[in-house]
N, C-alpha and C. Protein backbone atom coordinates (compact mmCIF):
# COMPACT_ATOMS: atom_id res chain seq x y z
N UNK A 1 -62.57 90.83 95.40
CA UNK A 1 -61.58 90.27 96.33
C UNK A 1 -60.06 90.95 96.03
N UNK A 2 -59.79 91.12 97.19
CA UNK A 2 -58.24 92.08 96.76
C UNK A 2 -57.07 91.01 96.60
N UNK A 3 -56.52 91.36 95.45
CA UNK A 3 -55.24 90.56 95.40
C UNK A 3 -53.95 91.00 95.80
N UNK A 4 -53.41 90.12 96.45
CA UNK A 4 -52.09 90.54 97.03
C UNK A 4 -50.87 89.88 96.04
N UNK A 5 -50.00 90.81 95.90
CA UNK A 5 -48.91 90.39 95.00
C UNK A 5 -47.63 89.95 95.65
N UNK A 6 -47.13 88.62 95.67
CA UNK A 6 -45.95 88.31 96.40
C UNK A 6 -44.95 88.09 95.17
N UNK A 7 -43.44 88.28 95.63
CA UNK A 7 -42.36 88.05 94.96
C UNK A 7 -41.49 87.06 95.59
N UNK A 8 -41.16 86.03 94.77
CA UNK A 8 -40.06 85.10 95.38
C UNK A 8 -38.86 85.16 94.49
N UNK A 9 -37.96 85.15 95.47
CA UNK A 9 -36.36 85.09 94.81
C UNK A 9 -35.52 83.99 95.63
N UNK A 10 -34.90 83.40 94.78
CA UNK A 10 -33.92 82.50 95.12
C UNK A 10 -32.55 82.64 94.43
N UNK A 11 -31.46 82.73 95.27
CA UNK A 11 -30.08 82.66 95.05
C UNK A 11 -29.46 81.30 95.51
N UNK A 12 -28.36 81.00 94.82
CA UNK A 12 -27.87 79.55 95.42
C UNK A 12 -26.95 79.68 96.57
N UNK A 13 -26.48 80.74 96.87
CA UNK A 13 -25.47 80.98 98.23
C UNK A 13 -25.56 82.22 98.69
N UNK A 14 -25.03 82.28 99.96
CA UNK A 14 -25.39 83.48 100.75
C UNK A 14 -24.42 84.57 100.40
N UNK A 15 -23.43 84.28 99.41
CA UNK A 15 -22.54 85.44 99.13
C UNK A 15 -22.95 85.75 97.65
N UNK A 16 -24.17 85.30 97.04
CA UNK A 16 -24.77 85.91 95.81
C UNK A 16 -25.54 86.96 96.27
N UNK A 17 -25.72 87.98 95.34
CA UNK A 17 -26.43 89.21 95.41
C UNK A 17 -27.68 89.16 94.85
N UNK A 18 -28.80 89.31 95.66
CA UNK A 18 -30.19 89.27 95.08
C UNK A 18 -30.87 90.63 94.90
N UNK A 19 -29.96 91.70 94.59
CA UNK A 19 -30.33 93.15 94.55
C UNK A 19 -30.98 93.08 93.18
N UNK A 20 -30.58 92.57 92.19
CA UNK A 20 -31.13 92.61 90.90
C UNK A 20 -32.62 92.11 90.72
N UNK A 21 -32.68 90.99 91.49
CA UNK A 21 -33.98 90.33 91.44
C UNK A 21 -34.91 91.25 92.14
N UNK A 22 -34.45 91.86 93.22
CA UNK A 22 -35.26 92.89 94.03
C UNK A 22 -35.73 93.92 93.27
N UNK A 23 -35.04 94.67 92.50
CA UNK A 23 -35.45 95.64 91.72
C UNK A 23 -36.25 95.16 90.37
N UNK A 24 -36.19 93.93 90.19
CA UNK A 24 -36.94 93.54 89.05
C UNK A 24 -38.56 93.38 89.73
N UNK A 25 -38.44 92.75 90.82
CA UNK A 25 -40.01 92.62 91.42
C UNK A 25 -40.47 94.15 91.69
N UNK A 26 -39.90 95.09 92.34
CA UNK A 26 -40.43 96.39 92.42
C UNK A 26 -40.87 96.97 91.14
N UNK A 27 -40.31 96.63 89.94
CA UNK A 27 -40.76 97.19 88.69
C UNK A 27 -42.12 96.55 88.53
N UNK A 28 -42.60 95.46 88.97
CA UNK A 28 -43.93 94.66 88.58
C UNK A 28 -44.64 94.96 89.98
N UNK A 29 -44.54 96.01 90.75
CA UNK A 29 -45.47 96.35 91.79
C UNK A 29 -45.46 95.31 93.00
N UNK A 30 -44.36 94.87 93.06
CA UNK A 30 -44.27 93.89 94.40
C UNK A 30 -43.71 94.89 95.66
N UNK A 31 -44.43 94.92 96.58
CA UNK A 31 -44.10 95.68 97.84
C UNK A 31 -43.01 94.94 98.45
N UNK A 32 -41.87 95.73 98.69
CA UNK A 32 -40.75 94.98 99.50
C UNK A 32 -41.11 94.25 100.48
N UNK A 33 -42.26 94.37 101.33
CA UNK A 33 -42.67 93.70 102.50
C UNK A 33 -42.98 92.39 102.22
N UNK A 34 -43.48 92.08 100.74
CA UNK A 34 -44.03 90.88 100.48
C UNK A 34 -42.92 90.08 99.41
N UNK A 35 -41.78 90.46 99.59
CA UNK A 35 -40.64 89.83 98.83
C UNK A 35 -40.04 88.80 99.77
N UNK A 36 -39.90 87.56 99.26
CA UNK A 36 -39.26 86.21 100.08
C UNK A 36 -38.06 85.91 99.47
N UNK A 37 -37.12 85.83 100.16
CA UNK A 37 -35.78 85.47 99.44
C UNK A 37 -35.17 84.19 100.44
N UNK A 38 -34.75 83.31 99.60
CA UNK A 38 -33.93 81.97 99.96
C UNK A 38 -32.66 82.13 99.45
N UNK A 39 -31.74 81.77 100.15
CA UNK A 39 -30.18 81.60 99.71
C UNK A 39 -29.74 80.32 99.93
N UNK A 40 -30.22 79.62 99.07
CA UNK A 40 -29.75 77.97 99.09
C UNK A 40 -30.12 77.12 97.69
N UNK A 41 -29.84 76.06 97.86
CA UNK A 41 -30.07 75.31 96.46
C UNK A 41 -31.53 75.06 95.93
N UNK A 42 -31.52 74.85 94.64
CA UNK A 42 -32.86 74.82 94.16
C UNK A 42 -33.12 73.19 93.95
N UNK A 43 -32.44 72.53 94.55
CA UNK A 43 -32.62 71.11 94.45
C UNK A 43 -34.09 70.65 95.02
N UNK A 44 -34.69 71.09 96.09
CA UNK A 44 -35.88 70.97 96.38
C UNK A 44 -36.49 71.97 97.01
N UNK A 45 -37.97 71.94 97.29
CA UNK A 45 -38.67 72.96 97.84
C UNK A 45 -38.67 73.06 99.53
N UNK A 46 -37.82 72.33 100.06
CA UNK A 46 -37.67 72.41 101.60
C UNK A 46 -37.05 73.85 102.03
N UNK A 47 -37.41 74.66 101.40
CA UNK A 47 -36.68 76.03 101.53
C UNK A 47 -37.57 76.76 102.65
N UNK A 48 -37.11 77.71 103.77
CA UNK A 48 -37.80 78.20 104.65
C UNK A 48 -38.74 79.32 104.17
N UNK A 49 -38.16 80.29 103.41
CA UNK A 49 -38.96 81.48 102.77
C UNK A 49 -40.08 81.04 101.89
N UNK A 50 -39.75 79.80 101.01
CA UNK A 50 -40.69 79.29 100.09
C UNK A 50 -41.87 78.62 100.89
N UNK A 51 -41.52 78.01 101.75
CA UNK A 51 -42.57 77.24 102.50
C UNK A 51 -43.49 78.41 103.28
N UNK A 52 -42.86 79.66 103.50
CA UNK A 52 -43.38 80.57 104.38
C UNK A 52 -44.48 81.13 103.31
N UNK A 53 -44.12 81.53 102.16
CA UNK A 53 -44.96 82.26 101.21
C UNK A 53 -45.85 81.31 100.60
N UNK A 54 -45.61 80.05 100.71
CA UNK A 54 -46.80 79.08 100.04
C UNK A 54 -47.95 79.03 101.37
N UNK A 55 -47.51 79.26 102.43
CA UNK A 55 -48.53 79.23 103.67
C UNK A 55 -49.40 80.49 103.58
N UNK A 56 -48.70 81.61 103.24
CA UNK A 56 -49.65 82.84 103.14
C UNK A 56 -50.38 83.05 101.91
N UNK A 57 -50.13 82.47 100.77
CA UNK A 57 -50.94 82.40 99.72
C UNK A 57 -52.27 82.04 99.77
N UNK A 58 -53.17 83.11 99.12
CA UNK A 58 -54.56 82.87 99.38
C UNK A 58 -55.05 82.80 97.85
N UNK A 59 -56.34 82.11 97.80
CA UNK A 59 -56.89 82.30 96.44
C UNK A 59 -57.15 83.69 95.67
N UNK A 60 -56.65 83.83 94.64
CA UNK A 60 -56.64 84.93 93.83
C UNK A 60 -55.38 85.86 93.97
N UNK A 61 -54.45 85.37 94.84
CA UNK A 61 -53.17 86.19 95.19
C UNK A 61 -52.41 85.91 93.86
N UNK A 62 -51.24 86.68 93.69
CA UNK A 62 -50.29 86.43 92.45
C UNK A 62 -49.02 86.20 93.19
N UNK A 63 -48.26 85.21 92.68
CA UNK A 63 -46.91 84.85 92.90
C UNK A 63 -46.12 85.10 91.84
N UNK A 64 -45.01 85.96 91.99
CA UNK A 64 -44.04 86.46 90.72
C UNK A 64 -42.77 85.81 90.99
N UNK A 65 -42.21 85.10 90.01
CA UNK A 65 -40.82 84.82 90.04
C UNK A 65 -40.13 85.16 88.82
N UNK A 66 -38.72 85.53 88.89
CA UNK A 66 -37.90 85.89 87.80
C UNK A 66 -37.96 84.81 86.60
N UNK A 67 -37.48 83.54 87.11
CA UNK A 67 -37.50 82.82 85.90
C UNK A 67 -37.82 81.55 86.54
N UNK A 68 -37.87 80.46 85.87
CA UNK A 68 -38.36 78.94 86.32
C UNK A 68 -37.25 78.51 87.09
N UNK A 69 -36.02 78.68 86.75
CA UNK A 69 -34.91 78.09 87.68
C UNK A 69 -34.54 78.83 89.00
N UNK A 70 -35.05 80.09 89.18
CA UNK A 70 -35.31 80.52 90.44
C UNK A 70 -36.26 79.99 91.22
N UNK A 71 -37.35 79.41 90.73
CA UNK A 71 -38.46 78.89 91.39
C UNK A 71 -37.88 77.35 91.90
N UNK A 72 -37.27 76.63 90.91
CA UNK A 72 -36.64 75.26 91.43
C UNK A 72 -35.86 74.76 90.47
N UNK A 73 -35.20 73.85 90.79
CA UNK A 73 -34.23 73.06 89.52
C UNK A 73 -34.68 71.49 89.57
N UNK A 74 -35.71 71.18 90.26
CA UNK A 74 -35.99 69.73 90.26
C UNK A 74 -37.37 69.53 89.56
N UNK A 75 -37.24 68.91 88.32
CA UNK A 75 -38.37 68.67 87.33
C UNK A 75 -39.82 68.32 87.86
N UNK A 76 -39.71 67.20 88.59
CA UNK A 76 -40.96 66.81 88.94
C UNK A 76 -41.45 67.80 90.15
N UNK A 77 -40.70 68.31 90.93
CA UNK A 77 -41.05 69.11 92.06
C UNK A 77 -41.77 70.42 91.57
N UNK A 78 -41.19 70.94 90.48
CA UNK A 78 -41.45 72.23 89.85
C UNK A 78 -42.99 72.21 89.49
N UNK A 79 -43.27 70.91 88.62
CA UNK A 79 -44.46 70.64 88.22
C UNK A 79 -45.50 70.52 89.46
N UNK A 80 -45.09 69.88 90.51
CA UNK A 80 -46.05 69.51 91.51
C UNK A 80 -46.47 70.77 92.48
N UNK A 81 -45.31 71.58 92.78
CA UNK A 81 -45.53 72.76 93.38
C UNK A 81 -46.28 73.86 92.59
N UNK A 82 -46.40 73.87 91.28
CA UNK A 82 -46.67 74.86 90.30
C UNK A 82 -48.44 74.51 90.45
N UNK A 83 -48.62 73.02 90.36
CA UNK A 83 -50.20 72.60 90.34
C UNK A 83 -50.65 72.90 91.63
N UNK A 84 -49.97 72.57 92.79
CA UNK A 84 -50.58 72.70 94.21
C UNK A 84 -50.94 74.46 94.29
N UNK A 85 -50.06 75.37 93.95
CA UNK A 85 -50.27 76.80 93.91
C UNK A 85 -51.68 77.17 93.03
N UNK A 86 -51.38 76.67 91.71
CA UNK A 86 -52.52 77.22 90.90
C UNK A 86 -53.72 76.45 90.97
N UNK A 87 -53.83 75.11 91.52
CA UNK A 87 -55.07 74.29 91.40
C UNK A 87 -55.62 74.24 92.87
N UNK A 88 -54.77 74.05 93.85
CA UNK A 88 -55.28 73.78 95.13
C UNK A 88 -55.51 75.16 95.94
N UNK A 89 -54.57 75.89 95.78
CA UNK A 89 -54.52 77.23 96.51
C UNK A 89 -55.46 78.09 95.58
N UNK A 90 -55.26 77.95 94.28
CA UNK A 90 -55.79 78.48 93.41
C UNK A 90 -55.50 80.23 93.33
N UNK A 91 -54.07 80.40 93.47
CA UNK A 91 -53.38 81.64 93.08
C UNK A 91 -53.02 81.60 91.77
N UNK A 92 -52.39 82.68 91.47
CA UNK A 92 -51.62 82.74 90.07
C UNK A 92 -50.40 82.89 90.17
N UNK A 93 -49.41 82.35 89.19
CA UNK A 93 -48.21 82.51 89.22
C UNK A 93 -47.57 83.21 87.77
N UNK A 94 -46.75 84.08 87.89
CA UNK A 94 -46.04 84.70 86.71
C UNK A 94 -44.60 84.60 86.71
N UNK A 95 -44.19 84.02 85.79
CA UNK A 95 -42.64 83.96 85.51
C UNK A 95 -42.07 85.09 84.48
N UNK A 96 -41.39 86.10 85.15
CA UNK A 96 -41.29 87.26 84.31
C UNK A 96 -40.36 86.98 82.92
N UNK A 97 -39.39 86.01 82.80
CA UNK A 97 -38.85 85.97 81.58
C UNK A 97 -39.36 84.98 80.54
N UNK A 98 -40.50 84.43 80.92
CA UNK A 98 -41.33 83.73 79.94
C UNK A 98 -42.70 84.10 80.09
N UNK A 99 -43.11 85.12 79.20
CA UNK A 99 -44.60 85.59 79.30
C UNK A 99 -45.79 84.48 79.04
N UNK A 100 -45.63 83.30 78.45
CA UNK A 100 -46.35 82.47 78.44
C UNK A 100 -46.80 81.56 79.61
N UNK A 101 -45.80 81.76 80.54
CA UNK A 101 -46.06 81.29 82.09
C UNK A 101 -46.51 82.20 82.79
N UNK A 102 -47.64 82.62 82.58
CA UNK A 102 -48.57 83.57 83.43
C UNK A 102 -49.97 83.30 83.41
N UNK A 103 -50.44 82.58 84.50
CA UNK A 103 -51.73 82.11 84.60
C UNK A 103 -52.75 83.05 84.85
N UNK A 104 -52.53 84.29 84.92
CA UNK A 104 -53.41 85.53 84.86
C UNK A 104 -53.80 85.69 83.72
N UNK A 105 -53.08 85.26 82.45
CA UNK A 105 -53.44 85.67 81.05
C UNK A 105 -54.04 84.54 80.27
N UNK A 106 -53.69 83.21 80.55
CA UNK A 106 -53.92 82.16 79.65
C UNK A 106 -54.85 81.15 80.43
N UNK A 107 -56.17 81.41 80.44
CA UNK A 107 -57.25 80.57 81.29
C UNK A 107 -57.93 79.79 80.36
N UNK A 108 -58.02 79.89 78.93
CA UNK A 108 -58.58 79.00 78.28
C UNK A 108 -57.84 77.65 77.81
N UNK A 109 -58.71 76.85 77.39
CA UNK A 109 -57.95 75.34 77.23
C UNK A 109 -56.68 75.40 76.53
N UNK A 110 -56.63 76.02 75.27
CA UNK A 110 -55.61 76.13 74.47
C UNK A 110 -54.23 76.95 75.36
N UNK A 111 -54.59 77.94 75.97
CA UNK A 111 -53.60 78.48 76.59
C UNK A 111 -52.90 77.78 77.63
N UNK A 112 -53.91 77.09 78.52
CA UNK A 112 -53.37 76.09 79.58
C UNK A 112 -52.61 75.06 78.90
N UNK A 113 -52.74 74.57 77.77
CA UNK A 113 -52.00 73.39 77.20
C UNK A 113 -50.81 73.96 76.87
N UNK A 114 -50.60 74.98 76.10
CA UNK A 114 -49.46 75.76 75.87
C UNK A 114 -48.55 76.10 77.06
N UNK A 115 -48.98 76.71 78.11
CA UNK A 115 -48.35 77.06 79.24
C UNK A 115 -47.98 75.83 79.70
N UNK A 116 -48.68 74.47 80.01
CA UNK A 116 -48.25 73.37 80.67
C UNK A 116 -47.17 72.90 79.80
N UNK A 117 -47.04 72.77 78.47
CA UNK A 117 -46.11 72.36 77.88
C UNK A 117 -44.72 73.12 78.03
N UNK A 118 -44.93 74.52 77.98
CA UNK A 118 -43.60 75.26 78.19
C UNK A 118 -43.14 75.04 79.65
N UNK A 119 -44.10 75.03 80.55
CA UNK A 119 -43.30 74.78 82.05
C UNK A 119 -42.79 73.27 81.91
N UNK A 120 -43.20 72.46 81.36
CA UNK A 120 -42.61 71.06 81.38
C UNK A 120 -41.24 71.13 80.65
N UNK A 121 -41.05 71.77 79.70
CA UNK A 121 -39.71 71.92 78.87
C UNK A 121 -38.86 72.64 79.70
N UNK A 122 -39.43 73.76 80.24
CA UNK A 122 -38.32 74.64 81.04
C UNK A 122 -38.02 73.83 82.30
N UNK A 123 -38.99 73.48 82.89
CA UNK A 123 -38.51 72.63 84.33
C UNK A 123 -37.30 71.39 83.91
N UNK A 124 -37.69 70.87 82.97
CA UNK A 124 -36.72 69.95 82.39
C UNK A 124 -35.11 70.38 82.19
N UNK A 125 -35.28 71.69 81.57
CA UNK A 125 -34.14 72.24 81.06
C UNK A 125 -33.35 72.80 82.37
N UNK A 126 -34.22 73.20 83.38
CA UNK A 126 -33.69 73.78 84.62
C UNK A 126 -32.98 72.43 85.54
N UNK A 127 -33.60 71.43 85.35
CA UNK A 127 -33.00 70.15 86.35
C UNK A 127 -31.64 69.83 85.37
N UNK A 128 -31.80 69.68 84.17
CA UNK A 128 -30.80 69.35 83.38
C UNK A 128 -29.39 70.23 83.63
N UNK A 129 -29.70 71.55 83.55
CA UNK A 129 -28.66 72.55 84.00
C UNK A 129 -28.09 72.26 85.31
N UNK A 130 -29.05 71.96 86.21
CA UNK A 130 -28.37 71.69 87.66
C UNK A 130 -27.40 70.47 87.56
N UNK A 131 -27.90 69.41 86.93
CA UNK A 131 -27.00 68.16 86.74
C UNK A 131 -25.71 68.55 86.21
N UNK A 132 -25.83 69.27 84.99
CA UNK A 132 -24.61 69.89 84.14
C UNK A 132 -23.72 70.70 85.35
N UNK A 133 -24.36 71.39 86.15
CA UNK A 133 -23.25 72.08 87.23
C UNK A 133 -22.72 71.25 87.96
N UNK A 134 -23.46 70.26 88.36
CA UNK A 134 -22.92 69.28 89.38
C UNK A 134 -21.60 68.47 88.78
N UNK A 135 -21.83 68.08 87.48
CA UNK A 135 -20.91 67.35 86.74
C UNK A 135 -19.67 68.23 86.72
N UNK A 136 -19.79 69.51 86.03
CA UNK A 136 -18.72 70.31 85.92
C UNK A 136 -17.79 70.44 87.36
N UNK A 137 -18.75 70.64 88.49
CA UNK A 137 -18.24 70.89 89.96
C UNK A 137 -17.26 69.53 90.24
N UNK A 138 -17.84 68.51 89.97
CA UNK A 138 -17.27 67.25 90.47
C UNK A 138 -15.95 66.95 89.74
N UNK A 139 -16.07 67.44 88.23
CA UNK A 139 -14.95 67.11 87.42
C UNK A 139 -13.78 68.29 87.63
N UNK A 140 -14.24 69.48 88.38
CA UNK A 140 -13.28 70.53 88.68
C UNK A 140 -12.48 70.08 89.98
N UNK A 141 -13.02 69.44 90.52
CA UNK A 141 -12.73 68.92 91.94
C UNK A 141 -11.70 67.71 91.70
N UNK A 142 -12.01 66.97 90.78
CA UNK A 142 -11.13 65.79 90.67
C UNK A 142 -10.08 66.41 90.00
N UNK A 143 -9.90 67.26 89.08
CA UNK A 143 -8.70 67.60 88.48
C UNK A 143 -7.82 68.42 89.44
N UNK A 144 -8.63 69.23 90.40
CA UNK A 144 -7.71 69.96 91.42
C UNK A 144 -7.19 68.75 92.51
N UNK A 145 -7.76 67.75 92.51
CA UNK A 145 -7.33 66.80 93.56
C UNK A 145 -6.01 65.96 92.81
N UNK A 146 -6.27 65.94 91.44
CA UNK A 146 -5.15 65.21 90.71
C UNK A 146 -3.98 66.13 90.86
N UNK A 147 -4.11 67.52 90.78
CA UNK A 147 -3.00 68.30 90.93
C UNK A 147 -2.43 68.75 92.42
N UNK A 148 -3.02 67.87 93.36
CA UNK A 148 -2.68 68.06 94.59
C UNK A 148 -3.30 69.13 95.51
N UNK A 149 -4.26 69.59 94.87
CA UNK A 149 -4.98 70.62 95.84
C UNK A 149 -5.78 69.90 96.88
N UNK A 150 -5.47 70.50 98.16
CA UNK A 150 -6.48 69.68 99.33
C UNK A 150 -7.52 70.69 99.55
N UNK A 151 -8.69 69.85 99.91
CA UNK A 151 -9.95 70.35 100.27
C UNK A 151 -10.18 70.28 101.61
N UNK A 152 -10.02 71.37 102.59
CA UNK A 152 -10.32 71.35 104.02
C UNK A 152 -9.26 70.92 104.75
N UNK A 153 -9.00 70.83 106.10
CA UNK A 153 -7.96 70.52 106.87
C UNK A 153 -7.95 69.11 107.15
N UNK A 154 -6.88 68.45 107.04
CA UNK A 154 -6.79 66.88 107.13
C UNK A 154 -7.47 66.24 108.59
N UNK A 155 -7.31 67.25 109.60
CA UNK A 155 -7.68 66.77 111.02
C UNK A 155 -8.99 66.83 111.23
N UNK A 156 -9.79 67.58 110.30
CA UNK A 156 -11.38 67.71 110.36
C UNK A 156 -11.93 67.42 109.21
N UNK A 157 -11.85 66.16 108.58
CA UNK A 157 -12.51 65.83 107.41
C UNK A 157 -13.95 65.93 107.42
N UNK A 158 -14.62 66.18 106.66
CA UNK A 158 -16.05 66.25 106.44
C UNK A 158 -16.66 64.77 106.33
N UNK A 159 -17.07 64.18 107.29
CA UNK A 159 -17.61 62.85 107.31
C UNK A 159 -19.16 62.70 107.15
N UNK A 160 -19.62 61.58 107.24
CA UNK A 160 -21.01 61.45 106.89
C UNK A 160 -21.74 62.02 108.06
N UNK A 161 -21.11 61.99 109.41
CA UNK A 161 -21.99 62.55 110.51
C UNK A 161 -22.08 63.99 110.25
N UNK A 162 -20.88 64.90 110.03
CA UNK A 162 -21.17 66.19 109.72
C UNK A 162 -22.14 66.56 108.79
N UNK A 163 -22.19 65.96 107.77
CA UNK A 163 -23.15 66.25 106.55
C UNK A 163 -24.66 65.89 107.02
N UNK A 164 -25.04 64.81 107.93
CA UNK A 164 -26.26 64.73 108.46
C UNK A 164 -26.67 65.74 109.39
N UNK A 165 -25.65 66.26 110.22
CA UNK A 165 -25.90 67.13 111.06
C UNK A 165 -26.14 68.52 110.60
N UNK A 166 -25.44 68.80 109.48
CA UNK A 166 -25.40 70.00 108.75
C UNK A 166 -26.86 70.28 108.25
N UNK A 167 -27.28 69.03 107.66
CA UNK A 167 -28.63 69.17 106.97
C UNK A 167 -29.82 69.30 107.99
N UNK A 168 -29.60 68.82 109.28
CA UNK A 168 -30.64 68.96 110.10
C UNK A 168 -30.53 70.42 110.60
N UNK A 169 -29.24 71.07 110.82
CA UNK A 169 -29.28 72.29 111.33
C UNK A 169 -29.67 73.16 110.13
N UNK A 170 -29.31 72.98 108.95
CA UNK A 170 -29.82 74.00 107.82
C UNK A 170 -31.46 73.90 107.59
N UNK A 171 -31.86 72.82 107.98
CA UNK A 171 -33.46 72.83 107.90
C UNK A 171 -34.18 73.36 109.16
N UNK A 172 -33.33 73.73 110.17
CA UNK A 172 -33.92 74.29 111.34
C UNK A 172 -34.33 73.21 112.34
N UNK A 173 -34.11 72.01 112.18
CA UNK A 173 -34.55 70.82 113.04
C UNK A 173 -33.74 70.93 114.12
N UNK A 174 -32.27 71.51 114.21
CA UNK A 174 -31.74 71.51 115.58
C UNK A 174 -30.90 72.83 115.45
N UNK A 175 -30.56 73.53 116.66
CA UNK A 175 -30.00 74.73 116.80
C UNK A 175 -28.34 74.44 116.31
N UNK A 176 -27.68 75.66 116.09
CA UNK A 176 -26.23 75.62 115.87
C UNK A 176 -25.61 74.87 116.96
N UNK A 177 -25.82 75.46 118.14
CA UNK A 177 -25.31 74.78 119.48
C UNK A 177 -25.48 73.56 119.43
N UNK A 178 -26.53 72.90 119.22
CA UNK A 178 -26.75 71.35 119.16
C UNK A 178 -25.77 70.72 118.13
N UNK A 179 -25.72 71.34 116.96
CA UNK A 179 -25.06 70.92 115.72
C UNK A 179 -23.60 70.70 116.28
N UNK A 180 -23.09 71.90 116.86
CA UNK A 180 -21.73 71.79 117.32
C UNK A 180 -21.32 70.80 118.42
N UNK A 181 -22.41 70.59 119.02
CA UNK A 181 -22.35 69.37 120.17
C UNK A 181 -22.25 68.17 119.52
N UNK A 182 -22.91 67.70 118.78
CA UNK A 182 -23.14 66.58 117.99
C UNK A 182 -22.03 66.45 117.10
N UNK A 183 -21.34 67.32 116.46
CA UNK A 183 -20.13 67.21 115.80
C UNK A 183 -18.86 67.19 116.66
N UNK A 184 -19.06 67.62 117.80
CA UNK A 184 -18.05 67.76 118.80
C UNK A 184 -16.84 68.74 118.33
N UNK A 185 -17.55 69.95 118.02
CA UNK A 185 -16.51 71.01 117.54
C UNK A 185 -16.98 72.05 118.19
N UNK A 186 -15.96 72.86 118.14
CA UNK A 186 -15.95 74.39 118.85
C UNK A 186 -16.71 75.18 117.71
N UNK A 187 -17.22 76.44 118.31
CA UNK A 187 -17.87 77.44 117.44
C UNK A 187 -17.22 77.48 116.02
N UNK A 188 -15.93 78.08 116.22
CA UNK A 188 -15.18 78.55 115.07
C UNK A 188 -14.79 77.43 114.01
N UNK A 189 -14.59 76.16 114.40
CA UNK A 189 -14.19 75.02 113.82
C UNK A 189 -15.48 74.61 113.06
N UNK A 190 -16.69 74.70 113.60
CA UNK A 190 -17.88 74.19 113.10
C UNK A 190 -18.33 75.08 111.93
N UNK A 191 -18.27 76.54 112.01
CA UNK A 191 -18.51 77.41 111.07
C UNK A 191 -17.47 77.25 109.64
N UNK A 192 -16.27 76.90 110.18
CA UNK A 192 -15.38 76.77 109.21
C UNK A 192 -15.70 75.50 108.38
N UNK A 193 -15.99 74.43 108.97
CA UNK A 193 -16.52 73.23 108.30
C UNK A 193 -17.68 73.51 107.32
N UNK A 194 -18.60 74.21 107.90
CA UNK A 194 -19.84 74.58 107.07
C UNK A 194 -19.26 75.38 105.86
N UNK A 195 -18.51 76.47 105.99
CA UNK A 195 -17.98 77.26 104.93
C UNK A 195 -17.29 76.14 103.88
N UNK A 196 -16.37 75.14 104.49
CA UNK A 196 -15.83 74.37 103.45
C UNK A 196 -16.75 73.45 102.70
N UNK A 197 -17.80 73.02 103.43
CA UNK A 197 -18.75 72.17 102.93
C UNK A 197 -19.52 72.89 102.07
N UNK A 198 -20.10 73.98 101.97
CA UNK A 198 -20.83 74.57 101.26
C UNK A 198 -20.20 74.79 99.80
N UNK A 199 -18.76 75.36 100.25
CA UNK A 199 -17.92 75.73 98.86
C UNK A 199 -17.76 74.42 97.98
N UNK A 200 -17.38 73.25 98.67
CA UNK A 200 -16.87 72.21 97.99
C UNK A 200 -18.09 71.21 97.53
N UNK A 201 -19.08 71.03 98.53
CA UNK A 201 -19.93 69.98 98.07
C UNK A 201 -21.61 70.45 97.76
N UNK A 202 -21.98 71.75 98.39
CA UNK A 202 -23.22 72.06 98.08
C UNK A 202 -23.59 72.14 96.75
N UNK A 203 -24.93 71.76 96.29
CA UNK A 203 -25.36 71.80 95.00
C UNK A 203 -25.81 72.96 94.76
N UNK A 204 -25.87 73.37 93.25
CA UNK A 204 -26.44 74.66 93.09
C UNK A 204 -27.80 74.68 92.87
């Protein structure tokens, strides 16, 4: 059986550079054609490129990620996705910065136990770090507001409707044109709101 090696990269926002992770994947024999990149939060696994790579993975293939927090930042979902890939799809996963998390190497009972334990600890740490980032972000916004810093333009507050439409648009459920229509915004205003929303409210 021919094993295909895939690389998965995630950065938290569109202005972050993924070049370092790409170079790391190339060092581990991942063809650039098989590198999938998401530029969004790790709060869940509803990410376009991740879902695509999961669909193309076959039994015996290898998925490489640089670190467990690049895979995701939700403790329960990390464990769920890991088991779906390794037990249902029967592909392998290798986490570059944690040699124990390499299912190609540790297939005996003790190895599986150690790997599972390490995975649970690191997944928990990744989620806690995400929570801490959100807490620091909220505290920073509160301090800035107390000092009189204004977020966004008063005449276009980011309300619940915008947030719902934004999420539908980001998930691919609706087009940008439809989102603008639902928000009753012109193109420039809509994208300005998107930028402000992602800067202030988006989770890491």
